[in-house]
Structures are given as C-alpha cells and as structure tokens.
Amino acid sequence: MFELAQIKGSIPPLVTPFKNGEVDYDAYARLLDFQVNEGSHGVLVNG
C-alpha cells in the first residue's frame, strides 16, 4: 500500500512549452534537465 510519507522533496509542476502551435519537446527536455540538475525529486505531470 502507498503511504503519503513516501512522498518528499521537491516535485514541481512543469509548463508545457509550445512553438508554432505544437509542443516544443526540445524546450521541455531542457526544463526537465534543469529540474533534475537542481535536485528535484520528481515532476508533476498533469495532462
């Protein structure tokens, strides 16, 4: 069973970057890399 105590650290939500009306996957990768390099423990994905 999942316990809330297992969640800790920084888990920021990320924006979805767009370019010319489409998702900019390169920019998204840079955002993810930044969060990982700065010590985030995860990211919030919210479709």
PDB file of N, CA and C in Angstrom:
ATOM      1  N   MET A   1       0.838  -1.182   0.000  1.00  0.00           N
ATOM      2  CA  MET A   1       0.000   0.000   0.000  1.00  0.00           C
ATOM      3  C   MET A   1       0.885   1.248   0.000  1.00  0.00           C
ATOM      4  N   PHE A   2       0.466   2.246  -0.716  1.00  0.00           N
ATOM      5  CA  PHE A   2       1.191   3.511  -0.813  1.00  0.00           C
ATOM      6  C   PHE A   2       0.981   4.334   0.443  1.00  0.00           C
ATOM      7  N   GLU A   3       2.062   4.920   0.941  1.00  0.00           N
ATOM      8  CA  GLU A   3       1.971   5.784   2.113  1.00  0.00           C
ATOM      9  C   GLU A   3       2.403   7.196   1.730  1.00  0.00           C
ATOM     10  N   LEU A   4       1.656   8.172   2.191  1.00  0.00           N
ATOM     11  CA  LEU A   4       1.971   9.564   1.893  1.00  0.00           C
ATOM     12  C   LEU A   4       3.371   9.928   2.375  1.00  0.00           C
ATOM     13  N   ALA A   5       3.844   9.295   3.424  1.00  0.00           N
ATOM     14  CA  ALA A   5       5.174   9.591   3.958  1.00  0.00           C
ATOM     15  C   ALA A   5       6.270   9.271   2.941  1.00  0.00           C
ATOM     16  N   GLN A   6       5.964   8.487   1.909  1.00  0.00           N
ATOM     17  CA  GLN A   6       6.959   8.164   0.891  1.00  0.00           C
ATOM     18  C   GLN A   6       7.217   9.346  -0.042  1.00  0.00           C
ATOM     19  N   ILE A   7       6.309  10.306  -0.069  1.00  0.00           N
ATOM     20  CA  ILE A   7       6.476  11.481  -0.923  1.00  0.00           C
ATOM     21  C   ILE A   7       7.234  12.544  -0.144  1.00  0.00           C
ATOM     22  N   LYS A   8       8.388  12.940  -0.665  1.00  0.00           N
ATOM     23  CA  LYS A   8       9.148  14.013  -0.023  1.00  0.00           C
ATOM     24  C   LYS A   8      10.038  14.687  -1.049  1.00  0.00           C
ATOM     25  N   GLY A   9      10.500  15.849  -0.713  1.00  0.00           N
ATOM     26  CA  GLY A   9      11.374  16.588  -1.605  1.00  0.00           C
ATOM     27  C   GLY A   9      10.606  17.524  -2.511  1.00  0.00           C
ATOM     28  N   SER A  10      11.296  18.010  -3.506  1.00  0.00           N
ATOM     29  CA  SER A  10      10.730  18.965  -4.457  1.00  0.00           C
ATOM     30  C   SER A  10      10.134  18.222  -5.651  1.00  0.00           C
ATOM     31  N   ILE A  11       8.838  18.452  -5.902  1.00  0.00           N
ATOM     32  CA  ILE A  11       8.153  17.844  -7.047  1.00  0.00           C
ATOM     33  C   ILE A  11       7.357  18.955  -7.740  1.00  0.00           C
ATOM     34  N   PRO A  12       8.037  19.760  -8.575  1.00  0.00           N
ATOM     35  CA  PRO A  12       7.376  20.912  -9.188  1.00  0.00           C
ATOM     36  C   PRO A  12       6.526  20.534 -10.398  1.00  0.00           C
ATOM     37  N   PRO A  13       5.448  21.282 -10.632  1.00  0.00           N
ATOM     38  CA  PRO A  13       4.715  21.121 -11.893  1.00  0.00           C
ATOM     39  C   PRO A  13       5.486  21.845 -12.996  1.00  0.00           C
ATOM     40  N   LEU A  14       5.466  21.306 -14.189  1.00  0.00           N
ATOM     41  CA  LEU A  14       6.141  21.958 -15.310  1.00  0.00           C
ATOM     42  C   LEU A  14       5.121  22.476 -16.310  1.00  0.00           C
ATOM     43  N   VAL A  15       5.454  23.588 -16.924  1.00  0.00           N
ATOM     44  CA  VAL A  15       4.628  24.086 -18.020  1.00  0.00           C
ATOM     45  C   VAL A  15       4.933  23.248 -19.261  1.00  0.00           C
ATOM     46  N   THR A  16       4.017  23.229 -20.187  1.00  0.00           N
ATOM     47  CA  THR A  16       4.266  22.571 -21.469  1.00  0.00           C
ATOM     48  C   THR A  16       4.575  23.664 -22.486  1.00  0.00           C
ATOM     49  N   PRO A  17       5.833  23.730 -22.938  1.00  0.00           N
ATOM     50  CA  PRO A  17       6.198  24.783 -23.883  1.00  0.00           C
ATOM     51  C   PRO A  17       5.683  24.477 -25.295  1.00  0.00           C
ATOM     52  N   PHE A  18       5.202  25.505 -25.957  1.00  0.00           N
ATOM     53  CA  PHE A  18       4.718  25.368 -27.329  1.00  0.00           C
ATOM     54  C   PHE A  18       5.515  26.277 -28.248  1.00  0.00           C
ATOM     55  N   LYS A  19       5.632  25.856 -29.499  1.00  0.00           N
ATOM     56  CA  LYS A  19       6.274  26.666 -30.534  1.00  0.00           C
ATOM     57  C   LYS A  19       5.485  26.443 -31.823  1.00  0.00           C
ATOM     58  N   ASN A  20       4.993  27.513 -32.391  1.00  0.00           N
ATOM     59  CA  ASN A  20       4.188  27.432 -33.613  1.00  0.00           C
ATOM     60  C   ASN A  20       2.982  26.505 -33.448  1.00  0.00           C
ATOM     61  N   GLY A  21       2.363  26.542 -32.269  1.00  0.00           N
ATOM     62  CA  GLY A  21       1.155  25.767 -32.027  1.00  0.00           C
ATOM     63  C   GLY A  21       1.365  24.301 -31.713  1.00  0.00           C
ATOM     64  N   GLU A  22       2.624  23.859 -31.575  1.00  0.00           N
ATOM     65  CA  GLU A  22       2.920  22.460 -31.260  1.00  0.00           C
ATOM     66  C   GLU A  22       3.832  22.391 -30.044  1.00  0.00           C
ATOM     67  N   VAL A  23       3.777  21.251 -29.352  1.00  0.00           N
ATOM     68  CA  VAL A  23       4.639  21.064 -28.180  1.00  0.00           C
ATOM     69  C   VAL A  23       6.097  21.150 -28.619  1.00  0.00           C
ATOM     70  N   ASP A  24       6.868  21.930 -27.890  1.00  0.00           N
ATOM     71  CA  ASP A  24       8.302  22.079 -28.155  1.00  0.00           C
ATOM     72  C   ASP A  24       9.041  21.091 -27.254  1.00  0.00           C
ATOM     73  N   TYR A  25       9.290  19.897 -27.784  1.00  0.00           N
ATOM     74  CA  TYR A  25       9.891  18.832 -26.984  1.00  0.00           C
ATOM     75  C   TYR A  25      11.327  19.141 -26.577  1.00  0.00           C
ATOM     76  N   ASP A  26      12.057  19.878 -27.395  1.00  0.00           N
ATOM     77  CA  ASP A  26      13.423  20.256 -27.015  1.00  0.00           C
ATOM     78  C   ASP A  26      13.405  21.179 -25.801  1.00  0.00           C
ATOM     79  N   ALA A  27      12.495  22.145 -25.793  1.00  0.00           N
ATOM     80  CA  ALA A  27      12.372  23.050 -24.649  1.00  0.00           C
ATOM     81  C   ALA A  27      11.909  22.285 -23.413  1.00  0.00           C
ATOM     82  N   TYR A  28      11.008  21.330 -23.607  1.00  0.00           N
ATOM     83  CA  TYR A  28      10.529  20.526 -22.477  1.00  0.00           C
ATOM     84  C   TYR A  28      11.677  19.715 -21.875  1.00  0.00           C
ATOM     85  N   ALA A  29      12.522  19.155 -22.728  1.00  0.00           N
ATOM     86  CA  ALA A  29      13.684  18.400 -22.249  1.00  0.00           C
ATOM     87  C   ALA A  29      14.619  19.302 -21.448  1.00  0.00           C
ATOM     88  N   ARG A  30      14.794  20.547 -21.893  1.00  0.00           N
ATOM     89  CA  ARG A  30      15.648  21.482 -21.142  1.00  0.00           C
ATOM     90  C   ARG A  30      15.046  21.791 -19.772  1.00  0.00           C
ATOM     91  N   LEU A  31      13.724  21.952 -19.717  1.00  0.00           N
ATOM     92  CA  LEU A  31      13.062  22.183 -18.424  1.00  0.00           C
ATOM     93  C   LEU A  31      13.266  20.991 -17.487  1.00  0.00           C
ATOM     94  N   LEU A  32      13.102  19.786 -18.017  1.00  0.00           N
ATOM     95  CA  LEU A  32      13.308  18.585 -17.201  1.00  0.00           C
ATOM     96  C   LEU A  32      14.752  18.483 -16.724  1.00  0.00           C
ATOM     97  N   ASP A  33      15.702  18.708 -17.637  1.00  0.00           N
ATOM     98  CA  ASP A  33      17.121  18.658 -17.266  1.00  0.00           C
ATOM     99  C   ASP A  33      17.432  19.652 -16.155  1.00  0.00           C
ATOM    100  N   PHE A  34      16.879  20.852 -16.258  1.00  0.00           N
ATOM    101  CA  PHE A  34      17.106  21.863 -15.231  1.00  0.00           C
ATOM    102  C   PHE A  34      16.623  21.362 -13.876  1.00  0.00           C
ATOM    103  N   GLN A  35      15.414  20.816 -13.825  1.00  0.00           N
ATOM    104  CA  GLN A  35      14.861  20.338 -12.560  1.00  0.00           C
ATOM    105  C   GLN A  35      15.710  19.214 -11.972  1.00  0.00           C
ATOM    106  N   VAL A  36      16.146  18.284 -12.814  1.00  0.00           N
ATOM    107  CA  VAL A  36      16.990  17.178 -12.343  1.00  0.00           C
ATOM    108  C   VAL A  36      18.317  17.714 -11.817  1.00  0.00           C
ATOM    109  N   ASN A  37      18.946  18.599 -12.576  1.00  0.00           N
ATOM    110  CA  ASN A  37      20.249  19.145 -12.181  1.00  0.00           C
ATOM    111  C   ASN A  37      20.180  19.980 -10.911  1.00  0.00           C
ATOM    112  N   GLU A  38      19.023  20.570 -10.630  1.00  0.00           N
ATOM    113  CA  GLU A  38      18.859  21.387  -9.430  1.00  0.00           C
ATOM    114  C   GLU A  38      18.358  20.585  -8.228  1.00  0.00           C
ATOM    115  N   GLY A  39      18.172  19.276  -8.396  1.00  0.00           N
ATOM    116  CA  GLY A  39      17.856  18.432  -7.251  1.00  0.00           C
ATOM    117  C   GLY A  39      16.397  18.081  -7.035  1.00  0.00           C
ATOM    118  N   SER A  40      15.533  18.380  -7.984  1.00  0.00           N
ATOM    119  CA  SER A  40      14.130  17.991  -7.811  1.00  0.00           C
ATOM    120  C   SER A  40      14.023  16.471  -7.727  1.00  0.00           C
ATOM    121  N   HIS A  41      13.073  16.012  -6.950  1.00  0.00           N
ATOM    122  CA  HIS A  41      12.885  14.579  -6.741  1.00  0.00           C
ATOM    123  C   HIS A  41      11.899  13.973  -7.727  1.00  0.00           C
ATOM    124  N   GLY A  42      11.233  14.793  -8.496  1.00  0.00           N
ATOM    125  CA  GLY A  42      10.263  14.340  -9.489  1.00  0.00           C
ATOM    126  C   GLY A  42       9.608  15.548 -10.105  1.00  0.00           C
ATOM    127  N   VAL A  43       8.694  15.311 -11.016  1.00  0.00           N
ATOM    128  CA  VAL A  43       7.908  16.397 -11.596  1.00  0.00           C
ATOM    129  C   VAL A  43       6.448  15.980 -11.610  1.00  0.00           C
ATOM    130  N   LEU A  44       5.585  16.962 -11.498  1.00  0.00           N
ATOM    131  CA  LEU A  44       4.152  16.721 -11.526  1.00  0.00           C
ATOM    132  C   LEU A  44       3.679  16.752 -12.969  1.00  0.00           C
ATOM    133  N   VAL A  45       3.121  15.638 -13.421  1.00  0.00           N
ATOM    134  CA  VAL A  45       2.564  15.559 -14.770  1.00  0.00           C
ATOM    135  C   VAL A  45       1.056  15.643 -14.630  1.00  0.00           C
ATOM    136  N   ASN A  46       0.483  16.622 -15.302  1.00  0.00           N
ATOM    137  CA  ASN A  46      -0.959  16.831 -15.178  1.00  0.00           C
ATOM    138  C   ASN A  46      -1.537  17.088 -16.559  1.00  0.00           C
ATOM    139  N   GLY A  47      -1.977  16.010 -17.224  1.00  0.00           N
ATOM    140  CA  GLY A  47      -2.478  16.051 -18.589  1.00  0.00           C
ATOM    141  C   GLY A  47      -3.398  17.154 -18.841  1.00  0.00           C
TER     142      GLY A  47
END
